[in-house]
Amino acid sequence: MLAPEQKQSLIGQYRAHATDTGSPEVQIALLSERIGQLTEHFKTHQKDHGSRRGLLMLVSKRRRLLDYLKKYDSERYKTVIQKLGIRK
């Protein structure tokens, strides 16, 4: 789980306007942070298969959001990809 302070800073960094908390960019950033935390967790807990299932669900949810963003606004998609460093 993300700490509330960390979550607010991510929302502040990726939001489109002052009250934006649910745009695809914000959701993708939050999911990416959680995916990164779980990836670190698996370096020490290789046999935690319950959390691994959660990680796979988070990755697929992020993939669906990225596909949606790419389909409807490719410029926003490119900006998010560049900011998060998801693609090489």
N, C-alpha and C. Protein backbone atom coordinates (compact mmCIF):
# COMPACT_ATOMS: atom_id res chain seq x y z
N MET A 1 0.84 -1.19 0.00
CA MET A 1 0.00 0.00 0.00
C MET A 1 0.88 1.25 0.00
N LEU A 2 0.36 2.27 -0.60
CA LEU A 2 1.07 3.54 -0.64
C LEU A 2 0.72 4.35 0.60
N ALA A 3 1.71 5.05 1.13
CA ALA A 3 1.46 5.95 2.24
C ALA A 3 0.63 7.13 1.73
N PRO A 4 -0.26 7.68 2.56
CA PRO A 4 -1.11 8.79 2.10
C PRO A 4 -0.31 9.99 1.58
N GLU A 5 0.82 10.29 2.19
CA GLU A 5 1.64 11.42 1.74
C GLU A 5 2.22 11.13 0.36
N GLN A 6 2.67 9.90 0.18
CA GLN A 6 3.24 9.52 -1.11
C GLN A 6 2.18 9.54 -2.20
N LYS A 7 0.98 9.09 -1.86
CA LYS A 7 -0.12 9.08 -2.81
C LYS A 7 -0.50 10.50 -3.22
N GLN A 8 -0.58 11.41 -2.25
CA GLN A 8 -0.92 12.80 -2.55
C GLN A 8 0.15 13.46 -3.42
N SER A 9 1.41 13.15 -3.17
CA SER A 9 2.47 13.76 -3.99
C SER A 9 2.40 13.25 -5.43
N LEU A 10 2.10 11.96 -5.62
CA LEU A 10 1.95 11.42 -6.97
C LEU A 10 0.76 12.04 -7.68
N ILE A 11 -0.35 12.18 -6.96
CA ILE A 11 -1.54 12.80 -7.56
C ILE A 11 -1.23 14.24 -7.95
N GLY A 12 -0.53 14.97 -7.09
CA GLY A 12 -0.17 16.35 -7.39
C GLY A 12 0.74 16.47 -8.59
N GLN A 13 1.58 15.49 -8.78
CA GLN A 13 2.54 15.53 -9.88
C GLN A 13 1.90 15.21 -11.23
N TYR A 14 0.91 14.34 -11.26
CA TYR A 14 0.36 13.87 -12.53
C TYR A 14 -1.04 14.38 -12.84
N ARG A 15 -1.65 15.14 -11.97
CA ARG A 15 -3.02 15.58 -12.23
C ARG A 15 -3.08 16.65 -13.32
N ALA A 16 -4.25 16.73 -13.95
CA ALA A 16 -4.44 17.66 -15.06
C ALA A 16 -4.96 19.01 -14.57
N HIS A 17 -5.72 19.01 -13.48
CA HIS A 17 -6.24 20.25 -12.90
C HIS A 17 -6.32 20.09 -11.39
N ALA A 18 -6.77 21.10 -10.69
CA ALA A 18 -6.69 21.15 -9.24
C ALA A 18 -7.45 20.03 -8.54
N THR A 19 -8.58 19.60 -9.08
CA THR A 19 -9.37 18.58 -8.40
C THR A 19 -9.29 17.21 -9.07
N ASP A 20 -8.32 17.01 -9.94
CA ASP A 20 -8.18 15.76 -10.68
C ASP A 20 -7.55 14.69 -9.80
N THR A 21 -8.27 13.60 -9.56
CA THR A 21 -7.72 12.47 -8.82
C THR A 21 -7.92 11.16 -9.54
N GLY A 22 -8.69 11.14 -10.63
CA GLY A 22 -9.02 9.88 -11.27
C GLY A 22 -8.73 9.80 -12.74
N SER A 23 -7.98 10.74 -13.28
CA SER A 23 -7.66 10.67 -14.71
C SER A 23 -6.74 9.46 -14.96
N PRO A 24 -6.69 8.98 -16.19
CA PRO A 24 -5.85 7.82 -16.49
C PRO A 24 -4.38 8.04 -16.12
N GLU A 25 -3.88 9.26 -16.29
CA GLU A 25 -2.49 9.54 -15.96
C GLU A 25 -2.22 9.31 -14.47
N VAL A 26 -3.12 9.79 -13.62
CA VAL A 26 -2.97 9.63 -12.18
C VAL A 26 -3.07 8.16 -11.81
N GLN A 27 -4.04 7.46 -12.37
CA GLN A 27 -4.21 6.04 -12.06
C GLN A 27 -3.00 5.23 -12.49
N ILE A 28 -2.45 5.53 -13.66
CA ILE A 28 -1.28 4.81 -14.15
C ILE A 28 -0.07 5.08 -13.25
N ALA A 29 0.09 6.32 -12.80
CA ALA A 29 1.21 6.65 -11.92
C ALA A 29 1.09 5.91 -10.59
N LEU A 30 -0.10 5.86 -10.02
CA LEU A 30 -0.31 5.16 -8.75
C LEU A 30 -0.06 3.66 -8.91
N LEU A 31 -0.56 3.09 -9.98
CA LEU A 31 -0.33 1.67 -10.22
C LEU A 31 1.15 1.37 -10.43
N SER A 32 1.85 2.24 -11.14
CA SER A 32 3.27 2.03 -11.39
C SER A 32 4.06 2.05 -10.09
N GLU A 33 3.69 2.93 -9.19
CA GLU A 33 4.38 3.00 -7.90
C GLU A 33 4.14 1.72 -7.09
N ARG A 34 2.91 1.25 -7.08
CA ARG A 34 2.61 0.01 -6.36
C ARG A 34 3.30 -1.20 -6.99
N ILE A 35 3.37 -1.22 -8.31
CA ILE A 35 4.07 -2.30 -9.02
C ILE A 35 5.54 -2.30 -8.64
N GLY A 36 6.14 -1.12 -8.57
CA GLY A 36 7.54 -1.01 -8.17
C GLY A 36 7.78 -1.51 -6.76
N GLN A 37 6.87 -1.18 -5.85
CA GLN A 37 7.00 -1.64 -4.46
C GLN A 37 6.88 -3.16 -4.38
N LEU A 38 5.92 -3.73 -5.10
CA LEU A 38 5.76 -5.18 -5.08
C LEU A 38 6.95 -5.89 -5.72
N THR A 39 7.52 -5.30 -6.73
CA THR A 39 8.70 -5.89 -7.37
C THR A 39 9.85 -5.98 -6.37
N GLU A 40 10.03 -4.93 -5.58
CA GLU A 40 11.06 -4.94 -4.53
C GLU A 40 10.74 -6.00 -3.47
N HIS A 41 9.47 -6.15 -3.14
CA HIS A 41 9.03 -7.13 -2.14
C HIS A 41 9.41 -8.54 -2.58
N PHE A 42 9.28 -8.82 -3.88
CA PHE A 42 9.55 -10.17 -4.38
C PHE A 42 11.03 -10.50 -4.43
N LYS A 43 11.88 -9.52 -4.29
CA LYS A 43 13.31 -9.81 -4.25
C LYS A 43 13.67 -10.55 -2.97
N THR A 44 12.91 -10.34 -1.90
CA THR A 44 13.17 -11.04 -0.65
C THR A 44 12.16 -12.13 -0.33
N HIS A 45 10.98 -12.06 -0.94
CA HIS A 45 9.92 -13.05 -0.68
C HIS A 45 9.51 -13.71 -1.99
N GLN A 46 10.35 -14.62 -2.47
CA GLN A 46 10.10 -15.23 -3.78
C GLN A 46 8.86 -16.11 -3.80
N LYS A 47 8.48 -16.68 -2.68
CA LYS A 47 7.39 -17.66 -2.66
C LYS A 47 6.04 -17.07 -2.26
N ASP A 48 5.93 -15.76 -2.27
CA ASP A 48 4.68 -15.10 -1.91
C ASP A 48 3.76 -15.06 -3.13
N HIS A 49 3.10 -16.18 -3.40
CA HIS A 49 2.32 -16.30 -4.62
C HIS A 49 1.01 -15.52 -4.57
N GLY A 50 0.47 -15.30 -3.40
CA GLY A 50 -0.75 -14.50 -3.29
C GLY A 50 -0.51 -13.07 -3.73
N SER A 51 0.59 -12.50 -3.30
CA SER A 51 0.94 -11.14 -3.72
C SER A 51 1.33 -11.10 -5.18
N ARG A 52 1.90 -12.19 -5.67
CA ARG A 52 2.28 -12.24 -7.09
C ARG A 52 1.04 -12.15 -7.98
N ARG A 53 -0.04 -12.80 -7.54
CA ARG A 53 -1.29 -12.72 -8.28
C ARG A 53 -1.79 -11.28 -8.30
N GLY A 54 -1.68 -10.59 -7.16
CA GLY A 54 -2.07 -9.19 -7.09
C GLY A 54 -1.23 -8.33 -8.01
N LEU A 55 0.07 -8.62 -8.07
CA LEU A 55 0.96 -7.88 -8.96
C LEU A 55 0.53 -8.06 -10.41
N LEU A 56 0.22 -9.28 -10.80
CA LEU A 56 -0.20 -9.53 -12.18
C LEU A 56 -1.50 -8.79 -12.50
N MET A 57 -2.41 -8.71 -11.53
CA MET A 57 -3.65 -7.97 -11.76
C MET A 57 -3.38 -6.48 -11.90
N LEU A 58 -2.44 -5.94 -11.11
CA LEU A 58 -2.09 -4.52 -11.21
C LEU A 58 -1.46 -4.22 -12.57
N VAL A 59 -0.58 -5.10 -13.02
CA VAL A 59 0.09 -4.90 -14.31
C VAL A 59 -0.94 -4.92 -15.44
N SER A 60 -1.90 -5.84 -15.38
CA SER A 60 -2.89 -5.89 -16.45
C SER A 60 -3.83 -4.69 -16.41
N LYS A 61 -4.13 -4.19 -15.21
CA LYS A 61 -4.97 -3.00 -15.10
C LYS A 61 -4.26 -1.78 -15.68
N ARG A 62 -2.95 -1.67 -15.38
CA ARG A 62 -2.17 -0.56 -15.95
C ARG A 62 -2.11 -0.68 -17.47
N ARG A 63 -1.97 -1.90 -17.97
CA ARG A 63 -1.93 -2.13 -19.42
C ARG A 63 -3.23 -1.68 -20.07
N ARG A 64 -4.37 -2.00 -19.45
CA ARG A 64 -5.66 -1.60 -20.00
C ARG A 64 -5.79 -0.08 -20.00
N LEU A 65 -5.35 0.58 -18.94
CA LEU A 65 -5.42 2.05 -18.90
C LEU A 65 -4.51 2.67 -19.96
N LEU A 66 -3.33 2.10 -20.15
CA LEU A 66 -2.43 2.62 -21.18
C LEU A 66 -3.02 2.41 -22.57
N ASP A 67 -3.65 1.27 -22.80
CA ASP A 67 -4.29 1.03 -24.10
C ASP A 67 -5.42 2.03 -24.34
N TYR A 68 -6.20 2.31 -23.31
CA TYR A 68 -7.29 3.28 -23.42
C TYR A 68 -6.72 4.65 -23.78
N LEU A 69 -5.68 5.07 -23.06
CA LEU A 69 -5.09 6.38 -23.29
C LEU A 69 -4.49 6.47 -24.69
N LYS A 70 -3.85 5.40 -25.14
CA LYS A 70 -3.24 5.39 -26.47
C LYS A 70 -4.32 5.49 -27.55
N LYS A 71 -5.45 4.84 -27.32
CA LYS A 71 -6.54 4.84 -28.30
C LYS A 71 -7.19 6.21 -28.44
N TYR A 72 -7.40 6.91 -27.31
CA TYR A 72 -8.17 8.16 -27.35
C TYR A 72 -7.32 9.42 -27.36
N ASP A 73 -6.09 9.38 -26.86
CA ASP A 73 -5.24 10.58 -26.87
C ASP A 73 -3.77 10.16 -26.85
N SER A 74 -3.19 9.99 -28.02
CA SER A 74 -1.84 9.46 -28.11
C SER A 74 -0.79 10.41 -27.53
N GLU A 75 -1.05 11.71 -27.56
CA GLU A 75 -0.09 12.66 -26.99
C GLU A 75 0.02 12.51 -25.48
N ARG A 76 -1.13 12.37 -24.82
CA ARG A 76 -1.12 12.14 -23.37
C ARG A 76 -0.45 10.81 -23.04
N TYR A 77 -0.68 9.81 -23.88
CA TYR A 77 -0.04 8.50 -23.71
C TYR A 77 1.48 8.64 -23.76
N LYS A 78 1.98 9.33 -24.78
CA LYS A 78 3.42 9.52 -24.92
C LYS A 78 4.01 10.28 -23.75
N THR A 79 3.29 11.28 -23.25
CA THR A 79 3.76 12.06 -22.12
C THR A 79 3.86 11.20 -20.86
N VAL A 80 2.85 10.39 -20.61
CA VAL A 80 2.86 9.53 -19.42
C VAL A 80 3.98 8.50 -19.51
N ILE A 81 4.15 7.89 -20.66
CA ILE A 81 5.21 6.90 -20.86
C ILE A 81 6.58 7.52 -20.60
N GLN A 82 6.77 8.73 -21.10
CA GLN A 82 8.05 9.40 -20.93
C GLN A 82 8.30 9.78 -19.47
N LYS A 83 7.27 10.32 -18.79
CA LYS A 83 7.42 10.73 -17.40
C LYS A 83 7.72 9.55 -16.49
N LEU A 84 7.02 8.43 -16.71
CA LEU A 84 7.19 7.27 -15.84
C LEU A 84 8.35 6.38 -16.25
N GLY A 85 8.80 6.52 -17.48
CA GLY A 85 9.89 5.69 -17.95
C GLY A 85 9.49 4.22 -18.08
N ILE A 86 8.26 3.97 -18.50
CA ILE A 86 7.75 2.60 -18.61
C ILE A 86 8.34 1.91 -19.83
N ARG A 87 8.35 2.56 -20.97
CA ARG A 87 8.90 1.98 -22.20
C ARG A 87 10.33 2.47 -22.39
N LYS A 88 11.08 1.65 -23.08
CA LYS A 88 12.47 2.03 -23.37
C LYS A 88 12.55 2.85 -24.64
